[in-house]
Amino acid sequence: MDAFEYSESDVLYTQLSLFQKFMKRHSLDKMTTLHLFKENEVFEILSDCYESVQLDGDGEILNDIDTLLKNNGVTIE
C-alpha cells in the first residue's frame, strides 16, 4: 500500500472509534447514536473523507459531526 491507500478495516476502525467517542461525549446509548449516524449519513461521510479524518484530531472530527447534525436540524442535549 502506498501512503494514500487504506483498507476497509482501517475505515471501519475509525468509524467505530468516532462512534464510541460521540456516544460518550453526548451520553447517548448505542441505538440513538446509530440512528443519528445512519439518518445523517455520518458513516458515509467518514468513509468518503477518510484521508482528512486521519489528518484532523478526534476532537475536531467530533466537532464537525456535531455541526453536521446541528445543520441537519438535530438537537442533542
PDB file of N, CA and C in Angstrom:
ATOM      1  N   MET A   1       0.833  -1.190   0.000  1.00  0.00           N
ATOM      2  CA  MET A   1       0.000   0.000   0.000  1.00  0.00           C
ATOM      3  C   MET A   1       0.874   1.249   0.000  1.00  0.00           C
ATOM      4  N   ASP A   2       0.496   2.224  -0.813  1.00  0.00           N
ATOM      5  CA  ASP A   2       1.218   3.483  -0.751  1.00  0.00           C
ATOM      6  C   ASP A   2       0.583   4.371   0.322  1.00  0.00           C
ATOM      7  N   ALA A   3       1.081   5.585   0.461  1.00  0.00           N
ATOM      8  CA  ALA A   3       0.678   6.480   1.548  1.00  0.00           C
ATOM      9  C   ALA A   3      -0.809   6.820   1.519  1.00  0.00           C
ATOM     10  N   PHE A   4      -1.463   6.732   0.349  1.00  0.00           N
ATOM     11  CA  PHE A   4      -2.859   7.137   0.246  1.00  0.00           C
ATOM     12  C   PHE A   4      -3.826   5.965   0.157  1.00  0.00           C
ATOM     13  N   GLU A   5      -3.328   4.767   0.288  1.00  0.00           N
ATOM     14  CA  GLU A   5      -4.196   3.600   0.272  1.00  0.00           C
ATOM     15  C   GLU A   5      -4.512   3.189   1.698  1.00  0.00           C
ATOM     16  N   TYR A   6      -5.705   2.659   1.880  1.00  0.00           N
ATOM     17  CA  TYR A   6      -6.115   2.194   3.196  1.00  0.00           C
ATOM     18  C   TYR A   6      -7.090   1.047   3.016  1.00  0.00           C
ATOM     19  N   SER A   7      -7.187   0.233   4.020  1.00  0.00           N
ATOM     20  CA  SER A   7      -8.062  -0.930   3.940  1.00  0.00           C
ATOM     21  C   SER A   7      -9.441  -0.600   4.507  1.00  0.00           C
ATOM     22  N   GLU A   8     -10.401  -1.428   4.156  1.00  0.00           N
ATOM     23  CA  GLU A   8     -11.753  -1.261   4.699  1.00  0.00           C
ATOM     24  C   GLU A   8     -11.742  -1.380   6.213  1.00  0.00           C
ATOM     25  N   SER A   9     -10.871  -2.224   6.740  1.00  0.00           N
ATOM     26  CA  SER A   9     -10.807  -2.387   8.192  1.00  0.00           C
ATOM     27  C   SER A   9     -10.284  -1.126   8.870  1.00  0.00           C
ATOM     28  N   ASP A  10      -9.383  -0.380   8.200  1.00  0.00           N
ATOM     29  CA  ASP A  10      -8.913   0.898   8.737  1.00  0.00           C
ATOM     30  C   ASP A  10     -10.069   1.886   8.854  1.00  0.00           C
ATOM     31  N   VAL A  11     -10.869   1.963   7.798  1.00  0.00           N
ATOM     32  CA  VAL A  11     -12.017   2.877   7.786  1.00  0.00           C
ATOM     33  C   VAL A  11     -13.021   2.459   8.854  1.00  0.00           C
ATOM     34  N   LEU A  12     -13.314   1.176   8.928  1.00  0.00           N
ATOM     35  CA  LEU A  12     -14.276   0.670   9.907  1.00  0.00           C
ATOM     36  C   LEU A  12     -13.808   0.949  11.331  1.00  0.00           C
ATOM     37  N   TYR A  13     -12.533   0.738  11.595  1.00  0.00           N
ATOM     38  CA  TYR A  13     -11.991   1.007  12.926  1.00  0.00           C
ATOM     39  C   TYR A  13     -12.170   2.481  13.291  1.00  0.00           C
ATOM     40  N   THR A  14     -11.874   3.369  12.353  1.00  0.00           N
ATOM     41  CA  THR A  14     -12.011   4.807  12.596  1.00  0.00           C
ATOM     42  C   THR A  14     -13.472   5.175  12.822  1.00  0.00           C
ATOM     43  N   GLN A  15     -14.370   4.643  12.004  1.00  0.00           N
ATOM     44  CA  GLN A  15     -15.801   4.911  12.173  1.00  0.00           C
ATOM     45  C   GLN A  15     -16.275   4.450  13.552  1.00  0.00           C
ATOM     46  N   LEU A  16     -15.885   3.271  13.943  1.00  0.00           N
ATOM     47  CA  LEU A  16     -16.296   2.711  15.232  1.00  0.00           C
ATOM     48  C   LEU A  16     -15.740   3.517  16.398  1.00  0.00           C
ATOM     49  N   SER A  17     -14.489   3.906  16.292  1.00  0.00           N
ATOM     50  CA  SER A  17     -13.861   4.700  17.337  1.00  0.00           C
ATOM     51  C   SER A  17     -14.575   6.040  17.520  1.00  0.00           C
ATOM     52  N   LEU A  18     -14.864   6.719  16.418  1.00  0.00           N
ATOM     53  CA  LEU A  18     -15.556   8.005  16.495  1.00  0.00           C
ATOM     54  C   LEU A  18     -16.999   7.838  16.969  1.00  0.00           C
ATOM     55  N   PHE A  19     -17.640   6.752  16.571  1.00  0.00           N
ATOM     56  CA  PHE A  19     -18.994   6.430  17.036  1.00  0.00           C
ATOM     57  C   PHE A  19     -19.009   6.317  18.564  1.00  0.00           C
ATOM     58  N   GLN A  20     -18.054   5.558  19.104  1.00  0.00           N
ATOM     59  CA  GLN A  20     -17.982   5.369  20.559  1.00  0.00           C
ATOM     60  C   GLN A  20     -17.655   6.677  21.281  1.00  0.00           C
ATOM     61  N   LYS A  21     -16.763   7.463  20.733  1.00  0.00           N
ATOM     62  CA  LYS A  21     -16.405   8.740  21.355  1.00  0.00           C
ATOM     63  C   LYS A  21     -17.574   9.722  21.300  1.00  0.00           C
ATOM     64  N   PHE A  22     -18.328   9.707  20.212  1.00  0.00           N
ATOM     65  CA  PHE A  22     -19.507  10.558  20.093  1.00  0.00           C
ATOM     66  C   PHE A  22     -20.554  10.151  21.135  1.00  0.00           C
ATOM     67  N   MET A  23     -20.774   8.846  21.272  1.00  0.00           N
ATOM     68  CA  MET A  23     -21.713   8.329  22.286  1.00  0.00           C
ATOM     69  C   MET A  23     -21.326   8.824  23.675  1.00  0.00           C
ATOM     70  N   LYS A  24     -20.064   8.686  23.999  1.00  0.00           N
ATOM     71  CA  LYS A  24     -19.570   9.088  25.323  1.00  0.00           C
ATOM     72  C   LYS A  24     -19.683  10.602  25.503  1.00  0.00           C
ATOM     73  N   ARG A  25     -19.296  11.353  24.488  1.00  0.00           N
ATOM     74  CA  ARG A  25     -19.333  12.820  24.559  1.00  0.00           C
ATOM     75  C   ARG A  25     -20.732  13.329  24.901  1.00  0.00           C
ATOM     76  N   HIS A  26     -21.745  12.684  24.310  1.00  0.00           N
ATOM     77  CA  HIS A  26     -23.125  13.158  24.479  1.00  0.00           C
ATOM     78  C   HIS A  26     -23.961  12.273  25.408  1.00  0.00           C
ATOM     79  N   SER A  27     -23.332  11.300  26.043  1.00  0.00           N
ATOM     80  CA  SER A  27     -24.028  10.371  26.950  1.00  0.00           C
ATOM     81  C   SER A  27     -25.250   9.753  26.279  1.00  0.00           C
ATOM     82  N   LEU A  28     -25.046   9.254  25.061  1.00  0.00           N
ATOM     83  CA  LEU A  28     -26.121   8.617  24.302  1.00  0.00           C
ATOM     84  C   LEU A  28     -25.946   7.111  24.311  1.00  0.00           C
ATOM     85  N   ASP A  29     -27.041   6.395  24.129  1.00  0.00           N
ATOM     86  CA  ASP A  29     -26.956   4.939  24.014  1.00  0.00           C
ATOM     87  C   ASP A  29     -26.628   4.567  22.560  1.00  0.00           C
ATOM     88  N   LYS A  30     -26.310   3.307  22.360  1.00  0.00           N
ATOM     89  CA  LYS A  30     -25.875   2.836  21.037  1.00  0.00           C
ATOM     90  C   LYS A  30     -26.952   3.016  19.976  1.00  0.00           C
ATOM     91  N   MET A  31     -28.200   2.682  20.299  1.00  0.00           N
ATOM     92  CA  MET A  31     -29.261   2.745  19.302  1.00  0.00           C
ATOM     93  C   MET A  31     -29.566   4.186  18.873  1.00  0.00           C
ATOM     94  N   THR A  32     -29.554   5.105  19.819  1.00  0.00           N
ATOM     95  CA  THR A  32     -29.791   6.511  19.492  1.00  0.00           C
ATOM     96  C   THR A  32     -28.679   7.034  18.599  1.00  0.00           C
ATOM     97  N   THR A  33     -27.448   6.715  18.956  1.00  0.00           N
ATOM     98  CA  THR A  33     -26.300   7.161  18.169  1.00  0.00           C
ATOM     99  C   THR A  33     -26.324   6.534  16.781  1.00  0.00           C
ATOM    100  N   LEU A  34     -26.625   5.256  16.716  1.00  0.00           N
ATOM    101  CA  LEU A  34     -26.703   4.568  15.425  1.00  0.00           C
ATOM    102  C   LEU A  34     -27.758   5.222  14.538  1.00  0.00           C
ATOM    103  N   HIS A  35     -28.903   5.528  15.104  1.00  0.00           N
ATOM    104  CA  HIS A  35     -29.963   6.190  14.344  1.00  0.00           C
ATOM    105  C   HIS A  35     -29.482   7.546  13.808  1.00  0.00           C
ATOM    106  N   LEU A  36     -28.859   8.340  14.674  1.00  0.00           N
ATOM    107  CA  LEU A  36     -28.347   9.650  14.249  1.00  0.00           C
ATOM    108  C   LEU A  36     -27.320   9.516  13.126  1.00  0.00           C
ATOM    109  N   PHE A  37     -26.396   8.576  13.275  1.00  0.00           N
ATOM    110  CA  PHE A  37     -25.343   8.390  12.283  1.00  0.00           C
ATOM    111  C   PHE A  37     -25.923   7.908  10.950  1.00  0.00           C
ATOM    112  N   LYS A  38     -26.887   6.976  11.010  1.00  0.00           N
ATOM    113  CA  LYS A  38     -27.470   6.470   9.770  1.00  0.00           C
ATOM    114  C   LYS A  38     -28.323   7.527   9.085  1.00  0.00           C
ATOM    115  N   GLU A  39     -29.185   8.186   9.828  1.00  0.00           N
ATOM    116  CA  GLU A  39     -30.093   9.194   9.268  1.00  0.00           C
ATOM    117  C   GLU A  39     -29.344  10.367   8.649  1.00  0.00           C
ATOM    118  N   ASN A  40     -28.174  10.671   9.167  1.00  0.00           N
ATOM    119  CA  ASN A  40     -27.408  11.824   8.711  1.00  0.00           C
ATOM    120  C   ASN A  40     -26.166  11.442   7.910  1.00  0.00           C
ATOM    121  N   GLU A  41     -26.091  10.180   7.542  1.00  0.00           N
ATOM    122  CA  GLU A  41     -25.031   9.645   6.681  1.00  0.00           C
ATOM    123  C   GLU A  41     -23.618   9.910   7.211  1.00  0.00           C
ATOM    124  N   VAL A  42     -23.475   9.891   8.532  1.00  0.00           N
ATOM    125  CA  VAL A  42     -22.171  10.163   9.147  1.00  0.00           C
ATOM    126  C   VAL A  42     -21.154   9.086   8.761  1.00  0.00           C
ATOM    127  N   PHE A  43     -21.570   7.822   8.760  1.00  0.00           N
ATOM    128  CA  PHE A  43     -20.633   6.747   8.403  1.00  0.00           C
ATOM    129  C   PHE A  43     -20.110   6.947   6.977  1.00  0.00           C
ATOM    130  N   GLU A  44     -20.996   7.300   6.053  1.00  0.00           N
ATOM    131  CA  GLU A  44     -20.598   7.502   4.666  1.00  0.00           C
ATOM    132  C   GLU A  44     -19.637   8.680   4.543  1.00  0.00           C
ATOM    133  N   ILE A  45     -19.933   9.756   5.255  1.00  0.00           N
ATOM    134  CA  ILE A  45     -19.063  10.935   5.203  1.00  0.00           C
ATOM    135  C   ILE A  45     -17.678  10.604   5.751  1.00  0.00           C
ATOM    136  N   LEU A  46     -17.638   9.875   6.860  1.00  0.00           N
ATOM    137  CA  LEU A  46     -16.347   9.485   7.431  1.00  0.00           C
ATOM    138  C   LEU A  46     -15.552   8.619   6.462  1.00  0.00           C
ATOM    139  N   SER A  47     -16.246   7.755   5.747  1.00  0.00           N
ATOM    140  CA  SER A  47     -15.581   6.907   4.763  1.00  0.00           C
ATOM    141  C   SER A  47     -15.094   7.729   3.566  1.00  0.00           C
ATOM    142  N   ASP A  48     -15.970   8.592   3.050  1.00  0.00           N
ATOM    143  CA  ASP A  48     -15.621   9.399   1.876  1.00  0.00           C
ATOM    144  C   ASP A  48     -14.483  10.374   2.163  1.00  0.00           C
ATOM    145  N   CYS A  49     -14.401  10.837   3.386  1.00  0.00           N
ATOM    146  CA  CYS A  49     -13.396  11.850   3.764  1.00  0.00           C
ATOM    147  C   CYS A  49     -12.299  11.243   4.641  1.00  0.00           C
ATOM    148  N   TYR A  50     -12.039   9.969   4.468  1.00  0.00           N
ATOM    149  CA  TYR A  50     -11.127   9.251   5.364  1.00  0.00           C
ATOM    150  C   TYR A  50      -9.753   9.903   5.478  1.00  0.00           C
ATOM    151  N   GLU A  51      -9.187  10.349   4.366  1.00  0.00           N
ATOM    152  CA  GLU A  51      -7.853  10.947   4.422  1.00  0.00           C
ATOM    153  C   GLU A  51      -7.860  12.183   5.321  1.00  0.00           C
ATOM    154  N   SER A  52      -8.880  13.027   5.182  1.00  0.00           N
ATOM    155  CA  SER A  52      -8.988  14.227   6.019  1.00  0.00           C
ATOM    156  C   SER A  52      -9.208  13.858   7.474  1.00  0.00           C
ATOM    157  N   VAL A  53     -10.022  12.839   7.699  1.00  0.00           N
ATOM    158  CA  VAL A  53     -10.297  12.379   9.065  1.00  0.00           C
ATOM    159  C   VAL A  53      -9.000  11.963   9.749  1.00  0.00           C
ATOM    160  N   GLN A  54      -8.113  11.335   8.991  1.00  0.00           N
ATOM    161  CA  GLN A  54      -6.838  10.885   9.547  1.00  0.00           C
ATOM    162  C   GLN A  54      -5.929  12.060   9.899  1.00  0.00           C
ATOM    163  N   LEU A  55      -6.070  13.170   9.204  1.00  0.00           N
ATOM    164  CA  LEU A  55      -5.210  14.324   9.442  1.00  0.00           C
ATOM    165  C   LEU A  55      -5.687  15.180  10.606  1.00  0.00           C
ATOM    166  N   ASP A  56      -6.987  15.207  10.830  1.00  0.00           N
ATOM    167  CA  ASP A  56      -7.564  16.006  11.914  1.00  0.00           C
ATOM    168  C   ASP A  56      -7.638  15.168  13.180  1.00  0.00           C
ATOM    169  N   GLY A  57      -7.635  15.813  14.322  1.00  0.00           N
ATOM    170  CA  GLY A  57      -7.768  15.098  15.581  1.00  0.00           C
ATOM    171  C   GLY A  57      -9.211  14.674  15.823  1.00  0.00           C
ATOM    172  N   ASP A  58      -9.382  13.702  16.697  1.00  0.00           N
ATOM    173  CA  ASP A  58     -10.725  13.204  17.002  1.00  0.00           C
ATOM    174  C   ASP A  58     -11.648  14.317  17.500  1.00  0.00           C
ATOM    175  N   GLY A  59     -11.110  15.213  18.317  1.00  0.00           N
ATOM    176  CA  GLY A  59     -11.927  16.302  18.843  1.00  0.00           C
ATOM    177  C   GLY A  59     -12.483  17.168  17.731  1.00  0.00           C
ATOM    178  N   GLU A  60     -11.656  17.455  16.746  1.00  0.00           N
ATOM    179  CA  GLU A  60     -12.097  18.279  15.618  1.00  0.00           C
ATOM    180  C   GLU A  60     -13.149  17.546  14.785  1.00  0.00           C
ATOM    181  N   ILE A  61     -12.946  16.260  14.572  1.00  0.00           N
ATOM    182  CA  ILE A  61     -13.915  15.469  13.809  1.00  0.00           C
ATOM    183  C   ILE A  61     -15.235  15.395  14.568  1.00  0.00           C
ATOM    184  N   LEU A  62     -15.182  15.188  15.884  1.00  0.00           N
ATOM    185  CA  LEU A  62     -16.411  15.153  16.679  1.00  0.00           C
ATOM    186  C   LEU A  62     -17.131  16.495  16.615  1.00  0.00           C
ATOM    187  N   ASN A  63     -16.381  17.595  16.633  1.00  0.00           N
ATOM    188  CA  ASN A  63     -16.994  18.915  16.474  1.00  0.00           C
ATOM    189  C   ASN A  63     -17.657  19.035  15.100  1.00  0.00           C
ATOM    190  N   ASP A  64     -17.004  18.493  14.078  1.00  0.00           N
ATOM    191  CA  ASP A  64     -17.576  18.511  12.727  1.00  0.00           C
ATOM    192  C   ASP A  64     -18.868  17.698  12.669  1.00  0.00           C
ATOM    193  N   ILE A  65     -18.901  16.554  13.345  1.00  0.00           N
ATOM    194  CA  ILE A  65     -20.120  15.741  13.389  1.00  0.00           C
ATOM    195  C   ILE A  65     -21.225  16.514  14.100  1.00  0.00           C
ATOM    196  N   ASP A  66     -20.886  17.158  15.222  1.00  0.00           N
ATOM    197  CA  ASP A  66     -21.872  17.980  15.937  1.00  0.00           C
ATOM    198  C   ASP A  66     -22.442  19.058  15.016  1.00  0.00           C
ATOM    199  N   THR A  67     -21.573  19.724  14.264  1.00  0.00           N
ATOM    200  CA  THR A  67     -22.004  20.787  13.351  1.00  0.00           C
ATOM    201  C   THR A  67     -22.893  20.232  12.242  1.00  0.00           C
ATOM    202  N   LEU A  68     -22.499  19.104  11.681  1.00  0.00           N
ATOM    203  CA  LEU A  68     -23.298  18.461  10.644  1.00  0.00           C
ATOM    204  C   LEU A  68     -24.706  18.172  11.162  1.00  0.00           C
ATOM    205  N   LEU A  69     -24.787  17.576  12.346  1.00  0.00           N
ATOM    206  CA  LEU A  69     -26.090  17.229  12.914  1.00  0.00           C
ATOM    207  C   LEU A  69     -26.912  18.485  13.197  1.00  0.00           C
ATOM    208  N   LYS A  70     -26.262  19.493  13.754  1.00  0.00           N
ATOM    209  CA  LYS A  70     -26.948  20.756  14.042  1.00  0.00           C
ATOM    210  C   LYS A  70     -27.484  21.372  12.749  1.00  0.00           C
ATOM    211  N   ASN A  71     -26.666  21.360  11.695  1.00  0.00           N
ATOM    212  CA  ASN A  71     -27.089  21.902  10.396  1.00  0.00           C
ATOM    213  C   ASN A  71     -28.229  21.100   9.788  1.00  0.00           C
ATOM    214  N   ASN A  72     -28.346  19.839  10.183  1.00  0.00           N
ATOM    215  CA  ASN A  72     -29.440  18.979   9.716  1.00  0.00           C
ATOM    216  C   ASN A  72     -30.656  19.048  10.628  1.00  0.00           C
ATOM    217  N   GLY A  73     -30.626  19.952  11.607  1.00  0.00           N
ATOM    218  CA  GLY A  73     -31.776  20.149  12.478  1.00  0.00           C
ATOM    219  C   GLY A  73     -31.833  19.241  13.685  1.00  0.00           C
ATOM    220  N   VAL A  74     -30.750  18.534  13.980  1.00  0.00           N
ATOM    221  CA  VAL A  74     -30.709  17.625  15.128  1.00  0.00           C
ATOM    222  C   VAL A  74     -30.299  18.407  16.371  1.00  0.00           C
ATOM    223  N   THR A  75     -31.036  18.203  17.456  1.00  0.00           N
ATOM    224  CA  THR A  75     -30.690  18.807  18.725  1.00  0.00           C
ATOM    225  C   THR A  75     -30.262  17.706  19.680  1.00  0.00           C
ATOM    226  N   ILE A  76     -29.063  17.853  20.222  1.00  0.00           N
ATOM    227  CA  ILE A  76     -28.553  16.890  21.192  1.00  0.00           C
ATOM    228  C   ILE A  76     -28.365  17.618  22.506  1.00  0.00           C
ATOM    229  N   GLU A  77     -28.999  17.107  23.529  1.00  0.00           N
ATOM    230  CA  GLU A  77     -28.899  17.753  24.849  1.00  0.00           C
ATOM    231  C   GLU A  77     -27.849  17.095  25.682  1.00  0.00           C
TER     232      GLU A  77
END
